[in-house]
């Protein structure tokens, strides 16, 4: 039995060597933009403003794991509406979970941190339209903090735009690298 007094703590390398090597290679070939918590909060206010001007009032917010969950949680709290986390990733830790709206969900907001290729948003839209049995399905809109201009899909709401293919940039969101940012606890 282990107690706080007699329990041996084994040091664990949080970032395995191969992952560290992979990150260094990416950083060597691409310019890295560190997006701050302050910027994300400012940009969330802008997304709220855009939705308000558009008179869009979702009944549910769907957050795409992993990167879309932090902004989705914040928007869900702001609007005081339910949050549905969705495991839908085509690149990092690939897995797919279809989202089936409830019949009462007439307006749905799908949130991710970045709309990179647009493939995830496109597939979610297709899944919802295919699985919705009613004649007129729900109004589904998409929001991201960043949108890649070099793609076929453009989110309904976004704040920042870049061209990742031409600019060769990688966005580091604060929730993905919080341990590296040096943020002090108050």
N, C-alpha and C. Protein backbone atom coordinates (compact mmCIF):
# COMPACT_ATOMS: atom_id res chain seq x y z
N UNK A 1 0.84 -1.18 0.00
CA UNK A 1 0.00 0.00 0.00
C UNK A 1 0.88 1.25 0.00
N UNK A 2 0.49 2.22 -0.74
CA UNK A 2 1.30 3.42 -0.92
C UNK A 2 0.62 4.60 -0.23
N UNK A 3 1.36 5.30 0.59
CA UNK A 3 0.83 6.53 1.17
C UNK A 3 1.71 7.67 0.69
N UNK A 4 1.30 8.88 0.98
CA UNK A 4 2.09 10.02 0.53
C UNK A 4 3.48 10.02 1.15
N UNK A 5 3.62 9.45 2.35
CA UNK A 5 4.91 9.47 3.04
C UNK A 5 5.87 8.42 2.50
N UNK A 6 5.37 7.23 2.17
CA UNK A 6 6.28 6.16 1.80
C UNK A 6 6.23 5.73 0.34
N UNK A 7 5.54 6.46 -0.48
CA UNK A 7 5.37 6.07 -1.87
C UNK A 7 6.54 6.61 -2.70
N UNK A 8 7.20 5.74 -3.41
CA UNK A 8 8.29 6.16 -4.29
C UNK A 8 7.70 6.73 -5.57
N UNK A 9 8.22 7.82 -6.00
CA UNK A 9 7.75 8.46 -7.23
C UNK A 9 8.76 8.19 -8.32
N UNK A 10 8.29 7.60 -9.38
CA UNK A 10 9.15 7.31 -10.52
C UNK A 10 9.05 8.47 -11.50
N UNK A 11 10.17 8.99 -11.92
CA UNK A 11 10.19 10.08 -12.88
C UNK A 11 9.79 9.52 -14.24
N UNK A 12 8.83 10.18 -14.87
CA UNK A 12 8.34 9.76 -16.17
C UNK A 12 8.65 10.85 -17.18
N UNK A 13 9.23 10.47 -18.29
CA UNK A 13 9.49 11.41 -19.37
C UNK A 13 8.16 11.70 -20.06
N UNK A 14 7.65 12.92 -19.92
CA UNK A 14 6.33 13.26 -20.45
C UNK A 14 6.31 13.21 -21.97
N UNK A 15 7.35 13.67 -22.60
CA UNK A 15 7.39 13.65 -24.06
C UNK A 15 8.41 12.59 -24.48
N UNK A 16 7.94 11.44 -25.00
CA UNK A 16 8.87 10.41 -25.45
C UNK A 16 9.83 10.97 -26.48
N UNK A 17 11.01 10.38 -26.55
CA UNK A 17 12.07 10.87 -27.43
C UNK A 17 11.61 10.99 -28.88
N UNK A 18 10.92 9.96 -29.39
CA UNK A 18 10.51 10.01 -30.80
C UNK A 18 9.55 11.16 -31.06
N UNK A 19 8.67 11.46 -30.10
CA UNK A 19 7.74 12.57 -30.27
C UNK A 19 8.48 13.90 -30.23
N UNK A 20 9.45 14.00 -29.33
CA UNK A 20 10.27 15.21 -29.26
C UNK A 20 11.02 15.44 -30.56
N UNK A 21 11.57 14.37 -31.14
CA UNK A 21 12.27 14.48 -32.43
C UNK A 21 11.33 14.95 -33.52
N UNK A 22 10.12 14.40 -33.52
CA UNK A 22 9.12 14.78 -34.51
C UNK A 22 8.77 16.26 -34.40
N UNK A 23 8.56 16.74 -33.18
CA UNK A 23 8.23 18.15 -32.96
C UNK A 23 9.38 19.05 -33.40
N UNK A 24 10.61 18.67 -33.08
CA UNK A 24 11.76 19.48 -33.49
C UNK A 24 11.87 19.56 -35.02
N UNK A 25 11.63 18.45 -35.71
CA UNK A 25 11.68 18.46 -37.17
C UNK A 25 10.62 19.38 -37.75
N UNK A 26 9.40 19.34 -37.18
CA UNK A 26 8.34 20.20 -37.65
C UNK A 26 8.72 21.66 -37.44
N UNK A 27 9.25 21.96 -36.25
CA UNK A 27 9.61 23.34 -35.93
C UNK A 27 10.77 23.84 -36.78
N UNK A 28 11.64 22.94 -37.20
CA UNK A 28 12.77 23.34 -38.05
C UNK A 28 12.31 23.70 -39.46
N UNK A 29 11.25 23.07 -39.95
CA UNK A 29 10.82 23.30 -41.33
C UNK A 29 9.69 24.32 -41.44
N UNK A 30 9.01 24.62 -40.35
CA UNK A 30 7.89 25.55 -40.40
C UNK A 30 8.06 26.66 -39.37
N UNK A 31 7.53 27.80 -39.69
CA UNK A 31 7.48 28.89 -38.73
C UNK A 31 6.37 28.55 -37.73
N UNK A 32 6.66 28.69 -36.46
CA UNK A 32 5.69 28.38 -35.41
C UNK A 32 5.12 29.68 -34.86
N UNK A 33 3.80 29.76 -34.84
CA UNK A 33 3.11 30.90 -34.25
C UNK A 33 2.52 30.45 -32.93
N UNK A 34 2.93 31.09 -31.84
CA UNK A 34 2.38 30.78 -30.52
C UNK A 34 1.18 31.69 -30.26
N UNK A 35 0.03 31.09 -30.25
CA UNK A 35 -1.24 31.77 -30.05
C UNK A 35 -1.52 31.78 -28.55
N UNK A 36 -1.74 32.94 -27.98
CA UNK A 36 -1.83 33.05 -26.52
C UNK A 36 -3.27 32.88 -26.01
N UNK A 37 -3.36 32.65 -24.70
CA UNK A 37 -4.68 32.59 -24.05
C UNK A 37 -5.43 33.91 -24.26
N UNK A 38 -4.71 35.01 -24.14
CA UNK A 38 -5.34 36.33 -24.31
C UNK A 38 -5.91 36.48 -25.71
N UNK A 39 -5.16 36.05 -26.72
CA UNK A 39 -5.65 36.11 -28.10
C UNK A 39 -6.87 35.21 -28.28
N UNK A 40 -6.84 34.03 -27.68
CA UNK A 40 -7.98 33.12 -27.84
C UNK A 40 -9.24 33.70 -27.21
N UNK A 41 -9.12 34.31 -26.06
CA UNK A 41 -10.29 34.92 -25.41
C UNK A 41 -10.81 36.10 -26.23
N UNK A 42 -9.89 36.92 -26.72
CA UNK A 42 -10.29 38.04 -27.58
C UNK A 42 -11.00 37.51 -28.83
N UNK A 43 -10.48 36.45 -29.42
CA UNK A 43 -11.07 35.90 -30.64
C UNK A 43 -12.41 35.22 -30.36
N UNK A 44 -12.58 34.62 -29.18
CA UNK A 44 -13.87 34.04 -28.82
C UNK A 44 -14.94 35.14 -28.71
N UNK A 45 -14.55 36.28 -28.17
CA UNK A 45 -15.48 37.42 -28.14
C UNK A 45 -15.89 37.81 -29.56
N UNK A 46 -14.94 37.77 -30.48
CA UNK A 46 -15.26 38.11 -31.88
C UNK A 46 -16.19 37.06 -32.50
N UNK A 47 -15.98 35.78 -32.20
CA UNK A 47 -16.89 34.75 -32.71
C UNK A 47 -18.31 34.98 -32.18
N UNK A 48 -18.42 35.31 -30.90
CA UNK A 48 -19.74 35.61 -30.30
C UNK A 48 -20.37 36.79 -31.01
N UNK A 49 -19.58 37.83 -31.28
CA UNK A 49 -20.10 39.01 -31.98
C UNK A 49 -20.62 38.62 -33.37
N UNK A 50 -19.86 37.83 -34.11
CA UNK A 50 -20.27 37.40 -35.45
C UNK A 50 -21.58 36.62 -35.40
N UNK A 51 -21.70 35.73 -34.43
CA UNK A 51 -22.91 34.92 -34.31
C UNK A 51 -24.11 35.80 -33.92
N UNK A 52 -23.86 36.78 -33.07
CA UNK A 52 -24.93 37.68 -32.64
C UNK A 52 -25.43 38.52 -33.82
N UNK A 53 -24.52 39.06 -34.59
CA UNK A 53 -24.88 39.83 -35.79
C UNK A 53 -25.67 38.95 -36.75
N UNK A 54 -25.28 37.70 -36.86
CA UNK A 54 -25.93 36.74 -37.75
C UNK A 54 -27.24 36.18 -37.18
N UNK A 55 -27.53 36.52 -35.92
CA UNK A 55 -28.72 36.03 -35.20
C UNK A 55 -28.78 34.50 -35.16
N UNK A 56 -27.61 33.92 -34.95
CA UNK A 56 -27.51 32.47 -34.85
C UNK A 56 -27.47 32.09 -33.38
N UNK A 57 -28.44 31.28 -32.95
CA UNK A 57 -28.56 30.87 -31.55
C UNK A 57 -28.61 29.35 -31.45
N UNK A 58 -27.45 28.71 -31.38
CA UNK A 58 -27.46 27.24 -31.34
C UNK A 58 -28.08 26.69 -30.06
N UNK A 59 -28.66 25.49 -30.18
CA UNK A 59 -29.17 24.78 -29.01
C UNK A 59 -28.10 23.88 -28.41
N UNK A 60 -27.07 23.59 -29.19
CA UNK A 60 -25.98 22.74 -28.74
C UNK A 60 -24.69 23.15 -29.45
N UNK A 61 -23.59 23.01 -28.73
CA UNK A 61 -22.28 23.23 -29.32
C UNK A 61 -21.56 21.89 -29.34
N UNK A 62 -21.01 21.56 -30.50
CA UNK A 62 -20.27 20.32 -30.67
C UNK A 62 -18.80 20.70 -30.78
N UNK A 63 -17.99 20.20 -29.84
CA UNK A 63 -16.56 20.47 -29.84
C UNK A 63 -15.79 19.29 -30.38
N UNK A 64 -14.94 19.55 -31.36
CA UNK A 64 -14.15 18.49 -31.98
C UNK A 64 -12.89 18.26 -31.15
N UNK A 65 -12.71 17.00 -30.74
CA UNK A 65 -11.52 16.71 -29.95
C UNK A 65 -10.31 16.63 -30.87
N UNK A 66 -9.21 17.09 -30.44
CA UNK A 66 -8.92 17.61 -29.13
C UNK A 66 -8.94 19.13 -29.14
N UNK A 67 -8.42 19.73 -30.20
CA UNK A 67 -8.23 21.18 -30.22
C UNK A 67 -9.48 22.02 -30.14
N UNK A 68 -10.61 21.50 -30.59
CA UNK A 68 -11.84 22.27 -30.57
C UNK A 68 -12.54 22.27 -29.23
N UNK A 69 -12.12 21.40 -28.32
CA UNK A 69 -12.81 21.31 -27.03
C UNK A 69 -12.65 22.56 -26.17
N UNK A 70 -11.44 23.12 -25.99
CA UNK A 70 -11.35 24.33 -25.15
C UNK A 70 -12.22 25.50 -25.64
N UNK A 71 -12.15 25.88 -26.93
CA UNK A 71 -13.04 26.98 -27.34
C UNK A 71 -14.52 26.59 -27.28
N UNK A 72 -14.84 25.32 -27.53
CA UNK A 72 -16.24 24.88 -27.45
C UNK A 72 -16.76 24.96 -26.02
N UNK A 73 -15.94 24.57 -25.06
CA UNK A 73 -16.35 24.67 -23.65
C UNK A 73 -16.62 26.13 -23.29
N UNK A 74 -15.74 27.02 -23.72
CA UNK A 74 -15.90 28.44 -23.40
C UNK A 74 -17.17 29.01 -24.04
N UNK A 75 -17.44 28.65 -25.29
CA UNK A 75 -18.65 29.13 -25.96
C UNK A 75 -19.90 28.52 -25.32
N UNK A 76 -19.83 27.26 -24.94
CA UNK A 76 -20.95 26.60 -24.28
C UNK A 76 -21.28 27.30 -22.96
N UNK A 77 -20.25 27.64 -22.21
CA UNK A 77 -20.45 28.35 -20.95
C UNK A 77 -21.03 29.75 -21.19
N UNK A 78 -20.51 30.44 -22.19
CA UNK A 78 -21.00 31.79 -22.50
C UNK A 78 -22.48 31.76 -22.86
N UNK A 79 -22.87 30.86 -23.75
CA UNK A 79 -24.27 30.79 -24.19
C UNK A 79 -25.16 29.99 -23.24
N UNK A 80 -24.53 29.32 -22.26
CA UNK A 80 -25.26 28.49 -21.29
C UNK A 80 -26.11 27.44 -21.99
N UNK A 81 -25.44 26.70 -22.88
CA UNK A 81 -26.10 25.63 -23.63
C UNK A 81 -25.24 24.37 -23.54
N UNK A 82 -25.82 23.21 -23.84
CA UNK A 82 -25.06 21.96 -23.73
C UNK A 82 -23.89 21.88 -24.71
N UNK A 83 -22.89 21.11 -24.26
CA UNK A 83 -21.72 20.83 -25.07
C UNK A 83 -21.68 19.33 -25.36
N UNK A 84 -21.42 18.99 -26.61
CA UNK A 84 -21.26 17.60 -27.00
C UNK A 84 -19.84 17.44 -27.53
N UNK A 85 -18.96 16.76 -26.75
CA UNK A 85 -17.62 16.50 -27.29
C UNK A 85 -17.70 15.43 -28.37
N UNK A 86 -16.93 15.60 -29.42
CA UNK A 86 -16.99 14.68 -30.55
C UNK A 86 -15.58 14.23 -30.92
N UNK A 87 -15.36 12.92 -30.92
CA UNK A 87 -14.07 12.37 -31.33
C UNK A 87 -14.08 12.25 -32.85
N UNK A 88 -13.58 13.26 -33.50
CA UNK A 88 -13.55 13.27 -34.97
C UNK A 88 -12.24 13.87 -35.43
N UNK A 89 -11.30 13.01 -35.71
CA UNK A 89 -10.00 13.45 -36.15
C UNK A 89 -9.56 12.61 -37.33
N UNK A 90 -9.10 13.27 -38.36
CA UNK A 90 -8.61 12.55 -39.53
C UNK A 90 -7.08 12.47 -39.55
N UNK A 91 -6.41 13.30 -38.72
CA UNK A 91 -4.94 13.32 -38.74
C UNK A 91 -4.33 12.85 -37.43
N UNK A 92 -4.42 13.65 -36.40
CA UNK A 92 -3.79 13.33 -35.12
C UNK A 92 -4.68 12.36 -34.34
N UNK A 93 -4.15 11.23 -33.98
CA UNK A 93 -4.91 10.19 -33.28
C UNK A 93 -6.21 9.91 -34.03
N UNK A 94 -6.13 9.46 -35.28
CA UNK A 94 -7.31 9.31 -36.13
C UNK A 94 -8.38 8.40 -35.50
N UNK A 95 -9.55 8.94 -35.41
CA UNK A 95 -10.73 8.21 -34.95
C UNK A 95 -11.95 8.97 -35.43
N UNK A 96 -13.05 8.28 -35.58
CA UNK A 96 -14.24 8.96 -36.08
C UNK A 96 -15.47 8.50 -35.33
N UNK A 97 -16.20 9.47 -34.83
CA UNK A 97 -17.46 9.23 -34.14
C UNK A 97 -18.50 10.10 -34.84
N UNK A 98 -19.54 9.50 -35.33
CA UNK A 98 -20.58 10.28 -36.01
C UNK A 98 -21.42 11.02 -34.97
N UNK A 99 -21.86 12.19 -35.35
CA UNK A 99 -22.71 12.99 -34.47
C UNK A 99 -24.13 12.96 -35.00
N UNK A 100 -25.05 12.54 -34.16
CA UNK A 100 -26.46 12.51 -34.53
C UNK A 100 -27.20 13.54 -33.67
N UNK A 101 -27.67 14.62 -34.29
CA UNK A 101 -28.38 15.65 -33.51
C UNK A 101 -29.67 15.11 -32.90
N UNK A 102 -30.02 15.68 -31.76
CA UNK A 102 -31.32 15.36 -31.17
C UNK A 102 -32.39 16.07 -32.01
N UNK A 103 -33.62 15.55 -32.03
CA UNK A 103 -34.68 16.19 -32.82
C UNK A 103 -34.93 17.65 -32.41
N UNK A 104 -34.63 17.99 -31.16
CA UNK A 104 -34.85 19.36 -30.69
C UNK A 104 -33.72 20.31 -31.08
N UNK A 105 -32.62 19.77 -31.57
CA UNK A 105 -31.48 20.60 -31.96
C UNK A 105 -31.71 21.17 -33.36
N UNK A 106 -32.27 22.36 -33.41
CA UNK A 106 -32.56 22.99 -34.70
C UNK A 106 -31.37 23.79 -35.23
N UNK A 107 -30.55 24.32 -34.33
CA UNK A 107 -29.36 25.07 -34.73
C UNK A 107 -28.17 24.51 -33.95
N UNK A 108 -27.14 24.11 -34.69
CA UNK A 108 -25.99 23.43 -34.10
C UNK A 108 -24.72 24.15 -34.53
N UNK A 109 -23.83 24.37 -33.57
CA UNK A 109 -22.54 24.98 -33.87
C UNK A 109 -21.44 23.93 -33.65
N UNK A 110 -20.66 23.67 -34.69
CA UNK A 110 -19.53 22.75 -34.63
C UNK A 110 -18.27 23.60 -34.49
N UNK A 111 -17.43 23.30 -33.48
CA UNK A 111 -16.28 24.15 -33.17
C UNK A 111 -14.98 23.35 -33.22
N UNK A 112 -13.97 23.95 -33.85
CA UNK A 112 -12.61 23.42 -33.81
C UNK A 112 -11.66 24.60 -33.67
N UNK A 113 -10.43 24.35 -33.26
CA UNK A 113 -9.50 25.46 -33.10
C UNK A 113 -9.05 26.01 -34.45
N UNK A 114 -8.87 25.11 -35.43
CA UNK A 114 -8.44 25.55 -36.75
C UNK A 114 -9.15 24.71 -37.82
N UNK A 115 -9.55 25.37 -38.87
CA UNK A 115 -10.08 24.66 -40.04
C UNK A 115 -8.91 24.61 -41.01
N UNK A 116 -8.23 23.48 -40.99
CA UNK A 116 -7.00 23.33 -41.75
C UNK A 116 -7.29 22.95 -43.20
N UNK A 117 -7.64 21.70 -43.44
CA UNK A 117 -7.97 21.27 -44.80
C UNK A 117 -9.46 21.39 -45.08
N UNK A 118 -10.26 21.45 -44.02
CA UNK A 118 -11.71 21.48 -44.17
C UNK A 118 -12.32 20.09 -44.21
N UNK A 119 -11.49 19.06 -44.25
CA UNK A 119 -11.99 17.70 -44.39
C UNK A 119 -12.83 17.25 -43.19
N UNK A 120 -12.42 17.62 -41.98
CA UNK A 120 -13.18 17.22 -40.79
C UNK A 120 -14.55 17.88 -40.79
N UNK A 121 -14.59 19.19 -41.02
CA UNK A 121 -15.88 19.89 -41.06
C UNK A 121 -16.77 19.34 -42.17
N UNK A 122 -16.20 19.09 -43.33
CA UNK A 122 -16.97 18.56 -44.46
C UNK A 122 -17.58 17.21 -44.12
N UNK A 123 -16.79 16.35 -43.54
CA UNK A 123 -17.29 15.01 -43.21
C UNK A 123 -18.37 15.07 -42.13
N UNK A 124 -18.21 15.94 -41.14
CA UNK A 124 -19.24 16.08 -40.10
C UNK A 124 -20.54 16.57 -40.72
N UNK A 125 -20.46 17.56 -41.62
CA UNK A 125 -21.66 18.07 -42.28
C UNK A 125 -22.35 16.95 -43.06
N UNK A 126 -21.57 16.16 -43.81
CA UNK A 126 -22.14 15.05 -44.58
C UNK A 126 -22.79 14.01 -43.67
N UNK A 127 -22.14 13.69 -42.55
CA UNK A 127 -22.70 12.72 -41.59
C UNK A 127 -24.04 13.21 -41.04
N UNK A 128 -24.11 14.48 -40.66
CA UNK A 128 -25.34 15.03 -40.09
C UNK A 128 -26.45 15.01 -41.13
N UNK A 129 -26.17 15.45 -42.34
CA UNK A 129 -27.19 15.47 -43.38
C UNK A 129 -27.66 14.07 -43.74
N UNK A 130 -26.74 13.11 -43.77
CA UNK A 130 -27.10 11.73 -44.09
C UNK A 130 -27.93 11.09 -42.97
N UNK A 131 -27.62 11.41 -41.72
CA UNK A 131 -28.28 10.76 -40.58
C UNK A 131 -29.54 11.46 -40.10
N UNK A 132 -29.80 12.66 -40.56
CA UNK A 132 -30.98 13.38 -40.13
C UNK A 132 -32.18 12.90 -40.93
N UNK A 133 -33.18 12.43 -40.22
CA UNK A 133 -34.34 11.81 -40.87
C UNK A 133 -35.45 12.80 -41.23
N UNK A 134 -35.42 13.98 -40.64
CA UNK A 134 -36.48 14.94 -40.90
C UNK A 134 -36.29 15.60 -42.26
N UNK A 135 -37.40 16.08 -42.83
CA UNK A 135 -37.37 16.68 -44.16
C UNK A 135 -36.40 17.87 -44.20
N UNK A 136 -36.56 18.76 -43.24
CA UNK A 136 -35.64 19.89 -43.13
C UNK A 136 -34.76 19.65 -41.93
N UNK A 137 -33.51 19.37 -42.19
CA UNK A 137 -32.57 19.08 -41.11
C UNK A 137 -32.23 20.33 -40.32
N UNK A 138 -31.41 20.17 -39.31
CA UNK A 138 -31.01 21.31 -38.49
C UNK A 138 -30.10 22.26 -39.28
N UNK A 139 -30.03 23.48 -38.80
CA UNK A 139 -29.09 24.45 -39.35
C UNK A 139 -27.76 24.16 -38.66
N UNK A 140 -26.77 23.80 -39.44
CA UNK A 140 -25.46 23.46 -38.90
C UNK A 140 -24.46 24.50 -39.37
N UNK A 141 -23.79 25.11 -38.41
CA UNK A 141 -22.77 26.11 -38.74
C UNK A 141 -21.46 25.72 -38.08
N UNK A 142 -20.39 26.25 -38.64
CA UNK A 142 -19.05 25.86 -38.21
C UNK A 142 -18.26 27.09 -37.79
N UNK A 143 -17.49 26.93 -36.71
CA UNK A 143 -16.68 28.03 -36.19
C UNK A 143 -15.28 27.52 -35.86
N UNK A 144 -14.30 28.35 -36.16
CA UNK A 144 -12.92 28.06 -35.76
C UNK A 144 -12.22 29.39 -35.50
N UNK A 145 -11.19 29.33 -34.71
CA UNK A 145 -10.42 30.54 -34.43
C UNK A 145 -9.57 30.92 -35.64
N UNK A 146 -8.99 29.91 -36.27
CA UNK A 146 -8.19 30.10 -37.48
C UNK A 146 -8.84 29.36 -38.64
N UNK A 147 -8.69 29.92 -39.83
CA UNK A 147 -9.12 29.25 -41.05
C UNK A 147 -7.99 29.31 -42.06
N UNK A 148 -7.74 28.19 -42.68
CA UNK A 148 -6.71 28.11 -43.71
C UNK A 148 -7.34 28.55 -45.04
N UNK A 149 -6.78 29.59 -45.64
CA UNK A 149 -7.33 30.13 -46.89
C UNK A 149 -7.15 29.16 -48.06
N UNK A 150 -6.20 28.27 -47.96
CA UNK A 150 -5.88 27.35 -49.06
C UNK A 150 -6.66 26.04 -48.89
N UNK A 151 -7.98 26.14 -48.95
CA UNK A 151 -8.85 24.97 -48.79
C UNK A 151 -10.18 25.24 -49.48
N UNK A 152 -10.99 24.21 -49.61
CA UNK A 152 -12.30 24.36 -50.25
C UNK A 152 -13.40 24.72 -49.26
N UNK A 153 -13.20 24.45 -47.98
CA UNK A 153 -14.23 24.68 -46.97
C UNK A 153 -13.89 25.93 -46.18
N UNK A 154 -14.86 26.82 -46.04
CA UNK A 154 -14.67 28.01 -45.21
C UNK A 154 -15.70 27.98 -44.08
N UNK A 155 -15.25 28.05 -42.83
CA UNK A 155 -16.20 28.04 -41.71
C UNK A 155 -17.13 29.26 -41.78
N UNK A 156 -18.31 29.10 -41.20
CA UNK A 156 -19.26 30.22 -41.15
C UNK A 156 -18.72 31.36 -40.30
N UNK A 157 -18.01 30.99 -39.23
CA UNK A 157 -17.46 31.98 -38.31
C UNK A 157 -16.00 31.65 -38.05
N UNK A 158 -15.14 32.61 -38.28
CA UNK A 158 -13.72 32.47 -37.93
C UNK A 158 -13.16 33.86 -37.75
N UNK A 159 -12.00 33.93 -37.10
CA UNK A 159 -11.43 35.24 -36.78
C UNK A 159 -10.14 35.48 -37.56
N UNK A 160 -9.27 34.52 -37.55
CA UNK A 160 -7.96 34.71 -38.19
C UNK A 160 -7.83 33.79 -39.41
N UNK A 161 -7.16 34.32 -40.42
CA UNK A 161 -6.98 33.53 -41.64
C UNK A 161 -5.50 33.50 -41.99
N UNK A 162 -5.07 32.37 -42.49
CA UNK A 162 -3.70 32.23 -42.96
C UNK A 162 -3.69 31.24 -44.10
N UNK A 163 -2.58 31.21 -44.81
CA UNK A 163 -2.41 30.23 -45.88
C UNK A 163 -1.24 29.35 -45.47
N UNK A 164 -1.57 28.22 -44.83
CA UNK A 164 -0.54 27.37 -44.28
C UNK A 164 0.40 26.80 -45.33
N UNK A 165 -0.09 26.52 -46.51
CA UNK A 165 0.76 25.94 -47.54
C UNK A 165 1.77 26.94 -48.09
N UNK A 166 1.35 28.17 -48.29
CA UNK A 166 2.27 29.18 -48.80
C UNK A 166 3.18 29.72 -47.70
N UNK A 167 2.62 29.93 -46.51
CA UNK A 167 3.39 30.54 -45.43
C UNK A 167 4.21 29.54 -44.64
N UNK A 168 3.92 28.23 -44.77
CA UNK A 168 4.62 27.20 -44.01
C UNK A 168 4.66 27.55 -42.52
N UNK A 169 3.46 27.69 -41.93
CA UNK A 169 3.34 28.02 -40.52
C UNK A 169 2.60 26.92 -39.77
N UNK A 170 2.88 26.83 -38.51
CA UNK A 170 2.21 25.90 -37.61
C UNK A 170 1.72 26.71 -36.42
N UNK A 171 0.44 26.57 -36.07
CA UNK A 171 -0.13 27.30 -34.94
C UNK A 171 -0.04 26.43 -33.70
N UNK A 172 0.56 26.97 -32.65
CA UNK A 172 0.59 26.30 -31.35
C UNK A 172 -0.44 26.98 -30.46
N UNK A 173 -1.54 26.28 -30.20
CA UNK A 173 -2.58 26.81 -29.35
C UNK A 173 -2.20 26.61 -27.89
N UNK A 174 -2.60 27.52 -27.00
CA UNK A 174 -2.14 27.43 -25.60
C UNK A 174 -2.57 26.15 -24.90
N UNK A 175 -3.71 25.58 -25.27
CA UNK A 175 -4.16 24.36 -24.62
C UNK A 175 -3.41 23.13 -25.11
N UNK A 176 -2.65 23.28 -26.19
CA UNK A 176 -1.87 22.16 -26.70
C UNK A 176 -0.42 22.20 -26.23
N UNK A 177 0.05 23.36 -25.76
CA UNK A 177 1.43 23.50 -25.30
C UNK A 177 1.51 24.30 -24.00
N UNK A 178 0.52 24.17 -23.17
CA UNK A 178 0.44 25.00 -21.95
C UNK A 178 1.66 24.83 -21.07
N UNK A 179 2.29 23.68 -21.05
CA UNK A 179 3.44 23.44 -20.19
C UNK A 179 4.70 24.13 -20.72
N UNK A 180 4.66 24.59 -21.98
CA UNK A 180 5.82 25.25 -22.58
C UNK A 180 5.74 26.77 -22.49
N UNK A 181 4.58 27.31 -22.20
CA UNK A 181 4.36 28.73 -22.35
C UNK A 181 4.90 29.57 -21.21
N UNK A 182 5.21 28.95 -20.08
CA UNK A 182 5.72 29.73 -18.96
C UNK A 182 4.66 30.53 -18.25
N UNK A 183 3.40 30.18 -18.46
CA UNK A 183 2.30 30.89 -17.80
C UNK A 183 2.40 30.67 -16.30
N UNK A 184 2.37 31.76 -15.54
CA UNK A 184 2.47 31.68 -14.09
C UNK A 184 1.08 31.53 -13.48
N UNK A 185 1.03 30.78 -12.41
CA UNK A 185 -0.22 30.66 -11.67
C UNK A 185 -0.36 31.87 -10.78
N UNK A 186 -1.56 32.37 -10.64
CA UNK A 186 -1.80 33.54 -9.79
C UNK A 186 -1.89 33.14 -8.35
